[in-house]
N, C-alpha and C. Protein backbone atom coordinates (compact mmCIF):
# COMPACT_ATOMS: atom_id res chain seq x y z
N MET A 1 32.38 -20.14 11.23
CA MET A 1 31.34 -19.22 12.55
C MET A 1 30.29 -19.87 12.74
N GLN A 2 29.44 -20.72 13.80
CA GLN A 2 28.58 -20.83 14.11
C GLN A 2 27.03 -20.08 13.93
N ILE A 3 26.28 -20.66 13.31
CA ILE A 3 24.67 -19.82 13.44
C ILE A 3 24.27 -19.21 15.16
N ALA A 4 24.71 -18.24 16.03
CA ALA A 4 24.03 -18.41 17.15
C ALA A 4 23.56 -16.85 17.23
N ALA A 5 23.06 -16.41 17.74
CA ALA A 5 22.25 -14.85 18.18
C ALA A 5 23.15 -13.75 17.80
N ASP A 6 22.70 -13.43 17.07
CA ASP A 6 23.21 -11.42 16.96
C ASP A 6 24.21 -11.63 15.57
N SER A 7 24.02 -13.08 15.39
CA SER A 7 24.89 -13.42 14.06
C SER A 7 24.34 -13.33 12.85
N VAL A 8 24.78 -13.16 12.13
CA VAL A 8 24.29 -12.54 10.50
C VAL A 8 24.33 -13.74 9.15
N VAL A 9 23.33 -14.24 8.61
CA VAL A 9 22.79 -14.96 8.37
C VAL A 9 22.57 -15.31 6.56
N LEU A 10 23.10 -16.19 5.79
CA LEU A 10 22.56 -15.81 4.33
C LEU A 10 21.84 -17.23 4.16
N ILE A 11 21.01 -17.38 3.64
CA ILE A 11 19.89 -18.74 3.04
C ILE A 11 19.65 -18.56 2.39
N HIS A 12 20.50 -20.16 1.39
CA HIS A 12 18.98 -20.63 0.48
C HIS A 12 18.44 -21.85 0.87
N TYR A 13 16.73 -21.47 0.66
CA TYR A 13 16.36 -22.51 0.74
C TYR A 13 15.04 -22.48 -0.38
N THR A 14 14.17 -23.65 0.22
CA THR A 14 12.75 -24.14 -0.44
C THR A 14 12.03 -24.73 0.26
N LEU A 15 10.96 -24.30 0.42
CA LEU A 15 9.78 -24.23 1.38
C LEU A 15 8.66 -25.10 0.82
N LYS A 16 8.04 -26.51 0.84
CA LYS A 16 7.32 -27.29 0.35
C LYS A 16 5.73 -27.59 1.31
N ASP A 17 4.54 -28.07 0.86
CA ASP A 17 4.05 -28.54 2.18
C ASP A 17 3.65 -29.72 2.01
N ASP A 18 2.33 -30.84 2.40
CA ASP A 18 2.48 -31.96 2.65
C ASP A 18 3.10 -32.72 1.33
N ASP A 19 1.94 -32.12 0.64
CA ASP A 19 2.14 -33.26 -1.14
C ASP A 19 3.60 -32.71 -2.06
N GLY A 20 4.36 -31.42 -1.38
CA GLY A 20 5.58 -31.95 -2.09
C GLY A 20 5.96 -30.27 -3.41
N LYS A 21 4.71 -29.85 -2.95
CA LYS A 21 4.43 -28.43 -3.99
C LYS A 21 5.25 -27.37 -3.40
N VAL A 22 6.16 -27.34 -3.65
CA VAL A 22 7.13 -25.63 -3.67
C VAL A 22 6.10 -24.59 -3.37
N LEU A 23 6.14 -24.22 -2.45
CA LEU A 23 5.53 -22.69 -2.06
C LEU A 23 6.42 -21.84 -2.39
N ASP A 24 7.75 -21.29 -1.84
CA ASP A 24 8.25 -20.40 -1.57
C ASP A 24 9.94 -20.94 -2.20
N SER A 25 10.98 -20.40 -2.46
CA SER A 25 12.38 -21.04 -2.74
C SER A 25 12.90 -19.53 -3.26
N SER A 26 14.04 -19.53 -2.67
CA SER A 26 15.55 -18.88 -3.28
C SER A 26 15.91 -19.18 -4.13
N GLY A 27 16.07 -20.31 -4.39
CA GLY A 27 16.35 -20.47 -6.06
C GLY A 27 16.17 -19.42 -7.41
N GLY A 28 17.58 -19.61 -7.65
CA GLY A 28 17.69 -18.52 -9.20
C GLY A 28 18.15 -17.20 -8.66
N GLY A 29 17.70 -16.98 -7.04
CA GLY A 29 17.95 -15.91 -6.71
C GLY A 29 18.93 -15.52 -5.83
N GLU A 30 18.66 -13.89 -4.89
CA GLU A 30 20.12 -13.92 -4.28
C GLU A 30 19.34 -15.13 -2.65
N PRO A 31 20.39 -15.45 -1.71
CA PRO A 31 19.72 -15.79 -0.50
C PRO A 31 19.00 -15.01 0.16
N LEU A 32 18.49 -15.58 1.22
CA LEU A 32 17.81 -14.55 2.31
C LEU A 32 18.89 -14.39 3.44
N ALA A 33 18.64 -12.91 3.77
CA ALA A 33 19.97 -13.01 4.87
C ALA A 33 18.40 -12.50 5.74
N TYR A 34 19.04 -12.70 7.20
CA TYR A 34 18.88 -12.69 8.40
C TYR A 34 19.54 -12.93 9.84
N ILE A 35 18.84 -11.94 10.83
CA ILE A 35 19.84 -11.75 11.92
C ILE A 35 19.05 -13.12 13.22
N GLN A 36 19.95 -14.04 13.08
CA GLN A 36 19.46 -15.27 14.18
C GLN A 36 19.17 -14.57 15.42
N GLY A 37 17.85 -15.00 16.09
CA GLY A 37 17.14 -14.22 17.01
C GLY A 37 16.22 -13.45 17.84
N HIS A 38 16.38 -13.16 16.41
CA HIS A 38 15.26 -11.57 15.82
C HIS A 38 14.29 -11.64 15.58
N GLY A 39 13.79 -12.92 15.80
CA GLY A 39 12.18 -13.60 14.92
C GLY A 39 12.07 -13.12 13.87
N ASN A 40 13.02 -12.63 12.92
CA ASN A 40 13.59 -12.51 11.47
C ASN A 40 12.68 -14.30 10.37
N LEU A 41 13.00 -15.72 11.50
CA LEU A 41 12.16 -16.39 10.93
C LEU A 41 11.27 -17.29 11.45
N VAL A 42 10.64 -18.28 11.03
CA VAL A 42 9.34 -19.00 11.93
C VAL A 42 10.33 -19.33 12.81
N PRO A 43 9.90 -19.46 13.97
CA PRO A 43 10.47 -19.88 15.31
C PRO A 43 11.22 -21.23 14.82
N GLY A 44 10.39 -22.28 14.86
CA GLY A 44 11.03 -24.08 14.38
C GLY A 44 12.27 -24.04 13.35
N LEU A 45 11.74 -23.26 12.45
CA LEU A 45 13.00 -22.95 10.90
C LEU A 45 14.24 -22.57 11.62
N GLU A 46 14.35 -21.04 13.03
CA GLU A 46 15.22 -20.49 13.51
C GLU A 46 15.97 -21.53 14.61
N LYS A 47 15.68 -22.55 15.06
CA LYS A 47 15.95 -23.31 16.09
C LYS A 47 16.57 -24.34 15.23
N ALA A 48 16.23 -24.63 14.29
CA ALA A 48 16.57 -25.64 13.51
C ALA A 48 18.46 -25.69 13.13
N LEU A 49 18.25 -24.16 12.85
CA LEU A 49 19.66 -23.74 12.03
C LEU A 49 20.73 -23.10 13.30
N GLU A 50 20.91 -23.35 13.88
CA GLU A 50 20.75 -22.56 15.62
C GLU A 50 22.62 -23.83 15.74
N GLY A 51 23.53 -23.31 15.10
CA GLY A 51 24.58 -24.13 15.90
C GLY A 51 25.71 -24.78 14.01
N LYS A 52 24.42 -24.09 13.53
CA LYS A 52 25.03 -24.78 11.88
C LYS A 52 26.12 -23.85 11.05
N LYS A 53 26.81 -24.47 9.85
CA LYS A 53 27.79 -23.13 9.47
C LYS A 53 27.45 -23.20 8.42
N ASP A 54 28.70 -22.35 7.47
CA ASP A 54 28.64 -22.43 5.87
C ASP A 54 28.52 -23.63 5.65
N GLY A 55 27.83 -23.49 4.29
CA GLY A 55 28.00 -24.98 4.12
C GLY A 55 27.26 -25.89 4.35
N ASP A 56 26.67 -26.09 5.56
CA ASP A 56 25.90 -27.24 5.78
C ASP A 56 24.06 -27.10 5.49
N ALA A 57 23.61 -28.50 5.21
CA ALA A 57 22.24 -28.45 4.70
C ALA A 57 21.90 -28.96 5.89
N VAL A 58 20.36 -28.57 5.37
CA VAL A 58 19.21 -28.57 6.61
C VAL A 58 18.06 -29.40 6.20
N ALA A 59 17.33 -30.31 5.92
CA ALA A 59 16.01 -30.74 5.90
C ALA A 59 15.40 -30.77 6.85
N VAL A 60 14.53 -29.33 6.83
CA VAL A 60 13.44 -29.47 8.49
C VAL A 60 11.75 -29.83 7.97
N THR A 61 11.06 -30.14 8.92
CA THR A 61 9.60 -30.17 8.72
C THR A 61 9.30 -29.80 10.09
N LEU A 62 8.54 -29.10 9.78
CA LEU A 62 8.02 -28.10 11.28
C LEU A 62 6.36 -28.16 11.17
N SER A 63 6.05 -28.04 12.05
CA SER A 63 4.84 -28.94 12.85
C SER A 63 4.12 -26.62 12.78
N PRO A 64 2.63 -26.70 12.69
CA PRO A 64 2.10 -25.14 12.63
C PRO A 64 2.46 -24.41 13.77
N ASP A 65 2.20 -25.02 14.51
CA ASP A 65 3.26 -24.54 16.14
C ASP A 65 4.30 -24.28 15.92
N GLU A 66 5.69 -24.27 15.29
CA GLU A 66 6.67 -24.11 15.52
C GLU A 66 7.09 -23.56 13.65
N GLY A 67 5.48 -23.21 13.39
CA GLY A 67 5.80 -22.20 11.45
C GLY A 67 5.08 -20.86 12.32
N TYR A 68 4.05 -20.62 10.99
CA TYR A 68 3.16 -19.97 11.51
C TYR A 68 2.42 -20.50 11.94
N ALA A 69 1.93 -20.74 12.98
CA ALA A 69 1.45 -21.47 14.02
C ALA A 69 -0.77 -21.72 13.62
N LEU A 70 -1.12 -21.86 14.46
CA LEU A 70 -2.43 -22.67 14.19
C LEU A 70 -3.22 -21.30 13.73
N ALA A 71 -4.30 -21.54 12.63
CA ALA A 71 -5.11 -20.24 12.77
C ALA A 71 -5.86 -20.20 13.89
N THR A 72 -6.35 -18.77 15.03
CA THR A 72 -6.18 -18.59 15.70
C THR A 72 -7.92 -18.12 16.03
N ARG A 73 -8.54 -17.44 14.50
CA ARG A 73 -9.88 -17.72 14.67
C ARG A 73 -10.32 -16.76 15.65
N ARG A 74 -9.80 -15.87 16.59
CA ARG A 74 -9.54 -14.70 17.25
C ARG A 74 -10.17 -13.68 17.30
N CYS A 75 -10.54 -13.00 17.68
CA CYS A 75 -10.98 -11.51 17.58
C CYS A 75 -10.19 -10.45 17.37
N CYS A 76 -8.83 -11.04 17.36
CA CYS A 76 -7.45 -10.40 17.14
C CYS A 76 -7.03 -10.49 15.52
N SER A 77 -7.35 -11.94 15.02
CA SER A 77 -6.65 -12.22 13.51
C SER A 77 -8.38 -12.16 12.67
N VAL A 78 -9.56 -12.07 12.86
CA VAL A 78 -10.73 -12.35 12.48
C VAL A 78 -11.46 -10.57 12.67
N TYR A 79 -11.97 -10.05 11.75
CA TYR A 79 -12.82 -9.28 11.67
C TYR A 79 -14.23 -8.88 10.81
N ARG A 80 -14.93 -7.65 11.22
CA ARG A 80 -15.90 -7.73 10.07
C ARG A 80 -16.08 -6.25 10.32
N SER A 81 -16.12 -5.91 8.40
CA SER A 81 -15.76 -4.16 8.36
C SER A 81 -16.51 -3.90 7.58
N ASP A 82 -17.43 -2.65 7.02
CA ASP A 82 -17.93 -1.94 6.47
C ASP A 82 -18.00 -2.72 4.43
N ARG A 83 -18.90 -3.34 3.74
CA ARG A 83 -18.19 -3.16 3.07
C ARG A 83 -18.44 -2.70 1.80
N PHE A 84 -18.67 -1.22 1.99
CA PHE A 84 -18.34 -0.13 1.33
C PHE A 84 -16.57 0.41 0.71
N ARG A 85 -16.32 -0.21 1.55
CA ARG A 85 -14.81 0.65 2.35
C ARG A 85 -13.60 -0.18 0.71
N PHE A 86 -14.60 -1.22 0.35
CA PHE A 86 -13.60 -2.80 -0.45
C PHE A 86 -14.14 -2.45 -1.29
N GLY A 87 -14.83 -1.68 -1.91
CA GLY A 87 -15.45 -1.94 -3.52
C GLY A 87 -16.24 -3.10 -3.81
N ARG A 88 -16.83 -2.83 -5.20
CA ARG A 88 -18.16 -3.50 -5.60
C ARG A 88 -18.18 -5.25 -5.84
N ASP A 89 -16.76 -5.97 -5.74
CA ASP A 89 -16.79 -7.14 -5.16
C ASP A 89 -15.53 -7.48 -4.53
N PRO A 90 -15.57 -7.43 -3.49
CA PRO A 90 -13.64 -8.07 -2.85
C PRO A 90 -13.59 -8.88 -1.97
N GLN A 91 -14.97 -10.03 -2.47
CA GLN A 91 -14.66 -11.59 -1.81
C GLN A 91 -12.62 -11.37 -2.19
N GLY A 92 -12.52 -12.40 -1.55
CA GLY A 92 -10.57 -12.73 -1.53
C GLY A 92 -9.55 -11.55 -2.21
N MET A 93 -10.22 -10.08 -1.93
CA MET A 93 -9.74 -8.93 -1.71
C MET A 93 -8.36 -9.22 -0.96
N GLN A 94 -6.75 -9.48 -1.13
CA GLN A 94 -5.54 -9.29 0.10
C GLN A 94 -4.84 -7.69 0.42
N PHE A 95 -5.41 -7.27 1.08
CA PHE A 95 -4.56 -6.37 1.64
C PHE A 95 -3.77 -5.85 2.64
N GLN A 96 -2.47 -4.97 2.57
CA GLN A 96 -1.90 -4.79 4.37
C GLN A 96 -2.81 -3.74 5.16
N ALA A 97 -2.11 -3.84 6.79
CA ALA A 97 -2.46 -2.94 7.58
C ALA A 97 -2.31 -3.44 8.67
N GLN A 98 -1.82 -1.86 9.43
CA GLN A 98 -0.90 -2.01 10.64
C GLN A 98 -1.91 -1.81 11.49
N THR A 99 -1.19 -3.20 12.68
CA THR A 99 -2.39 -3.37 13.42
C THR A 99 -1.27 -3.18 14.80
N ASP A 100 -1.29 -3.81 16.00
CA ASP A 100 -0.87 -3.64 17.47
C ASP A 100 0.74 -4.83 17.02
N GLU A 101 0.46 -5.14 16.23
CA GLU A 101 0.96 -6.56 16.20
C GLU A 101 1.85 -6.42 15.27
N GLY A 102 2.24 -5.31 14.02
CA GLY A 102 2.45 -4.86 12.91
C GLY A 102 1.78 -5.04 12.13
N LEU A 103 2.53 -5.32 10.76
CA LEU A 103 1.68 -4.95 9.62
C LEU A 103 1.48 -6.65 9.28
N ARG A 104 0.29 -6.53 9.06
CA ARG A 104 -0.29 -7.64 8.37
C ARG A 104 -0.81 -8.06 7.24
N VAL A 105 -1.30 -8.81 6.61
CA VAL A 105 -1.59 -9.10 5.30
C VAL A 105 -3.43 -9.99 5.84
N PHE A 106 -4.35 -9.42 5.41
CA PHE A 106 -6.01 -9.61 5.53
C PHE A 106 -6.41 -10.02 4.49
N VAL A 107 -7.08 -11.04 4.27
CA VAL A 107 -8.15 -11.73 3.44
C VAL A 107 -9.50 -10.97 3.48
N VAL A 108 -10.27 -11.02 2.48
CA VAL A 108 -12.19 -10.86 2.22
C VAL A 108 -12.19 -12.12 1.93
N THR A 109 -12.87 -12.76 3.45
CA THR A 109 -13.27 -14.35 3.50
C THR A 109 -14.30 -14.06 3.18
N ALA A 110 -15.47 -13.33 3.12
CA ALA A 110 -16.99 -13.31 3.07
C ALA A 110 -17.41 -11.81 3.05
N VAL A 111 -18.38 -12.18 2.41
CA VAL A 111 -19.11 -10.83 2.07
C VAL A 111 -20.51 -11.05 2.52
N VAL A 112 -21.39 -10.73 3.15
CA VAL A 112 -22.80 -10.40 3.84
C VAL A 112 -23.19 -9.17 4.23
N GLY A 113 -24.28 -9.02 2.54
CA GLY A 113 -25.26 -8.11 2.76
C GLY A 113 -24.09 -6.21 2.95
N ASP A 114 -24.49 -5.69 3.55
CA ASP A 114 -23.39 -4.69 3.36
C ASP A 114 -22.05 -5.02 4.03
N MET A 115 -21.64 -5.99 5.08
CA MET A 115 -20.39 -6.67 5.95
C MET A 115 -19.63 -7.28 5.19
N VAL A 116 -18.16 -7.30 5.15
CA VAL A 116 -17.55 -8.43 4.97
C VAL A 116 -16.40 -8.92 6.41
N SER A 117 -16.50 -9.64 5.72
CA SER A 117 -15.02 -10.72 6.68
C SER A 117 -13.89 -10.73 6.90
N LEU A 118 -13.20 -9.80 7.73
CA LEU A 118 -11.62 -9.97 7.60
C LEU A 118 -10.81 -11.15 8.05
N ASP A 119 -9.88 -11.45 6.96
CA ASP A 119 -9.08 -12.97 7.62
C ASP A 119 -7.55 -12.23 8.08
N GLY A 120 -7.23 -12.37 9.56
CA GLY A 120 -5.80 -12.03 9.65
C GLY A 120 -4.64 -12.96 9.88
N ASN A 121 -5.31 -14.38 9.41
CA ASN A 121 -4.25 -15.44 9.95
C ASN A 121 -3.17 -15.45 8.50
N HIS A 122 -2.07 -15.97 9.04
CA HIS A 122 -1.24 -16.42 8.04
C HIS A 122 -1.66 -17.08 6.97
N PRO A 123 -1.47 -17.02 5.26
CA PRO A 123 -2.14 -17.81 4.81
C PRO A 123 -1.10 -19.12 5.23
N LEU A 124 0.01 -19.00 5.76
CA LEU A 124 0.63 -20.78 5.59
C LEU A 124 0.02 -21.23 6.97
N ALA A 125 -1.02 -20.52 8.27
CA ALA A 125 -1.28 -21.38 9.47
C ALA A 125 -2.38 -22.22 9.41
N ASP A 126 -1.56 -23.19 10.13
CA ASP A 126 -2.87 -24.68 10.34
C ASP A 126 -1.67 -25.61 9.59
N GLN A 127 -0.42 -25.06 8.19
CA GLN A 127 -0.20 -26.06 7.37
C GLN A 127 1.39 -26.71 8.20
N THR A 128 1.76 -27.70 7.73
CA THR A 128 2.78 -28.24 8.45
C THR A 128 4.08 -27.87 7.24
N LEU A 129 4.97 -27.35 7.16
CA LEU A 129 6.05 -26.59 6.81
C LEU A 129 7.35 -27.06 6.53
N HIS A 130 8.08 -27.83 5.37
CA HIS A 130 8.22 -28.40 4.38
C HIS A 130 10.21 -27.58 4.19
N PHE A 131 10.79 -27.52 4.83
CA PHE A 131 12.33 -26.48 4.32
C PHE A 131 13.49 -27.45 4.12
N ASP A 132 14.04 -27.07 3.53
CA ASP A 132 15.25 -27.46 2.57
C ASP A 132 15.87 -26.16 2.75
N VAL A 133 17.63 -26.14 3.63
CA VAL A 133 17.84 -24.89 3.72
C VAL A 133 19.94 -25.64 3.70
N GLU A 134 20.31 -24.65 2.39
CA GLU A 134 21.97 -24.40 2.80
C GLU A 134 21.92 -23.39 3.19
N VAL A 135 22.85 -23.09 4.30
CA VAL A 135 23.19 -22.14 5.36
C VAL A 135 24.70 -21.84 4.10
N VAL A 136 24.05 -20.07 3.50
CA VAL A 136 25.72 -20.05 2.34
C VAL A 136 26.93 -19.34 3.11
N SER A 137 26.50 -18.35 4.68
CA SER A 137 27.62 -17.74 4.94
C SER A 137 27.19 -17.06 6.36
N VAL A 138 27.20 -17.06 7.55
CA VAL A 138 27.49 -16.73 8.76
C VAL A 138 28.55 -15.88 8.86
N ARG A 139 27.92 -15.01 9.84
CA ARG A 139 28.86 -13.47 10.44
C ARG A 139 28.09 -12.79 11.72
N ALA A 140 28.76 -12.14 11.88
CA ALA A 140 28.65 -11.60 13.13
C ALA A 140 28.14 -9.85 12.60
N ALA A 141 27.01 -9.65 13.61
CA ALA A 141 26.32 -8.92 13.33
C ALA A 141 26.45 -7.15 13.52
N THR A 142 26.40 -6.42 12.85
CA THR A 142 27.11 -5.35 12.86
C THR A 142 26.95 -4.83 14.02
N ALA A 143 26.79 -3.67 15.32
CA ALA A 143 26.19 -2.91 15.57
C ALA A 143 24.81 -2.24 15.02
N GLU A 144 25.43 -1.58 14.18
CA GLU A 144 23.91 -0.74 13.10
C GLU A 144 23.11 -1.52 13.05
N GLU A 145 23.54 -3.09 12.34
CA GLU A 145 22.47 -4.09 12.32
C GLU A 145 21.48 -4.24 13.42
N LEU A 146 21.93 -4.88 14.51
CA LEU A 146 21.54 -4.79 15.29
C LEU A 146 20.82 -3.89 15.83
N GLU A 147 21.22 -2.88 16.18
CA GLU A 147 20.01 -1.48 16.10
C GLU A 147 19.08 -1.22 15.20
N HIS A 148 19.29 -1.51 13.85
CA HIS A 148 18.26 -1.22 13.14
C HIS A 148 17.17 -2.29 12.95
N GLY A 149 17.84 -3.73 13.65
CA GLY A 149 17.04 -4.49 13.49
C GLY A 149 17.01 -5.62 11.79
N HIS A 150 18.59 -4.99 11.33
CA HIS A 150 18.20 -6.05 10.05
C HIS A 150 19.41 -6.07 9.37
N VAL A 151 19.78 -6.56 8.39
CA VAL A 151 20.86 -6.99 7.42
C VAL A 151 21.50 -5.90 6.38
N HIS A 152 22.51 -5.66 6.71
CA HIS A 152 22.67 -4.24 5.52
C HIS A 152 23.58 -4.89 4.32
N GLY A 153 24.05 -4.53 3.45
CA GLY A 153 24.89 -5.39 2.87
C GLY A 153 24.50 -5.96 1.69
N ALA A 154 24.83 -7.12 1.36
CA ALA A 154 24.43 -8.08 0.02
C ALA A 154 23.55 -9.23 0.87
N GLY A 155 22.71 -9.21 -0.52
CA GLY A 155 21.46 -9.63 1.04
C GLY A 155 20.52 -9.80 1.78
N GLY A 156 21.04 -7.87 1.83
CA GLY A 156 20.22 -7.06 3.17
C GLY A 156 19.41 -5.78 2.28
N HIS A 157 19.20 -5.14 3.44
CA HIS A 157 18.94 -4.12 3.26
C HIS A 157 19.82 -2.90 2.51
N HIS A 158 19.58 -1.51 2.16
CA HIS A 158 20.62 -0.98 1.23
C HIS A 158 20.00 0.45 1.75
N HIS A 159 20.68 1.37 2.79
CA HIS A 159 20.41 2.35 3.37
C HIS A 159 20.64 3.89 2.00
């Protein structure tokens, strides 16, 4: 079966930066399971995997706009807040917060007086991404998986 919309895909991957430094990898662990066409991967990688099948290997380089996007530095990504909410020395602190766009990771990037600056841009924003991917398996998603929006069973979510 080929990778197409609504298929469950298991992949092993290695993600590197421009210097060849490994940023993330599934090597030595379970493959990553996702549903194709549901925004579970960065757009460029999902596009590159379309039409591939079990055993295929793919090497793809993604520009920032195909990956985690350019850092927007706009009002919805960078915030200011009261320092007292973050403890004595919050510089560099990371935390998750619910936003209109879903759960996001924020980093305290600056402390000035009684205020802190919070950056909600993805840590890999602005970076070119280099993926080496092996397609482990492809199958049709079940109706329940499509309804829940995630893979069930091996490599996926267990209820």
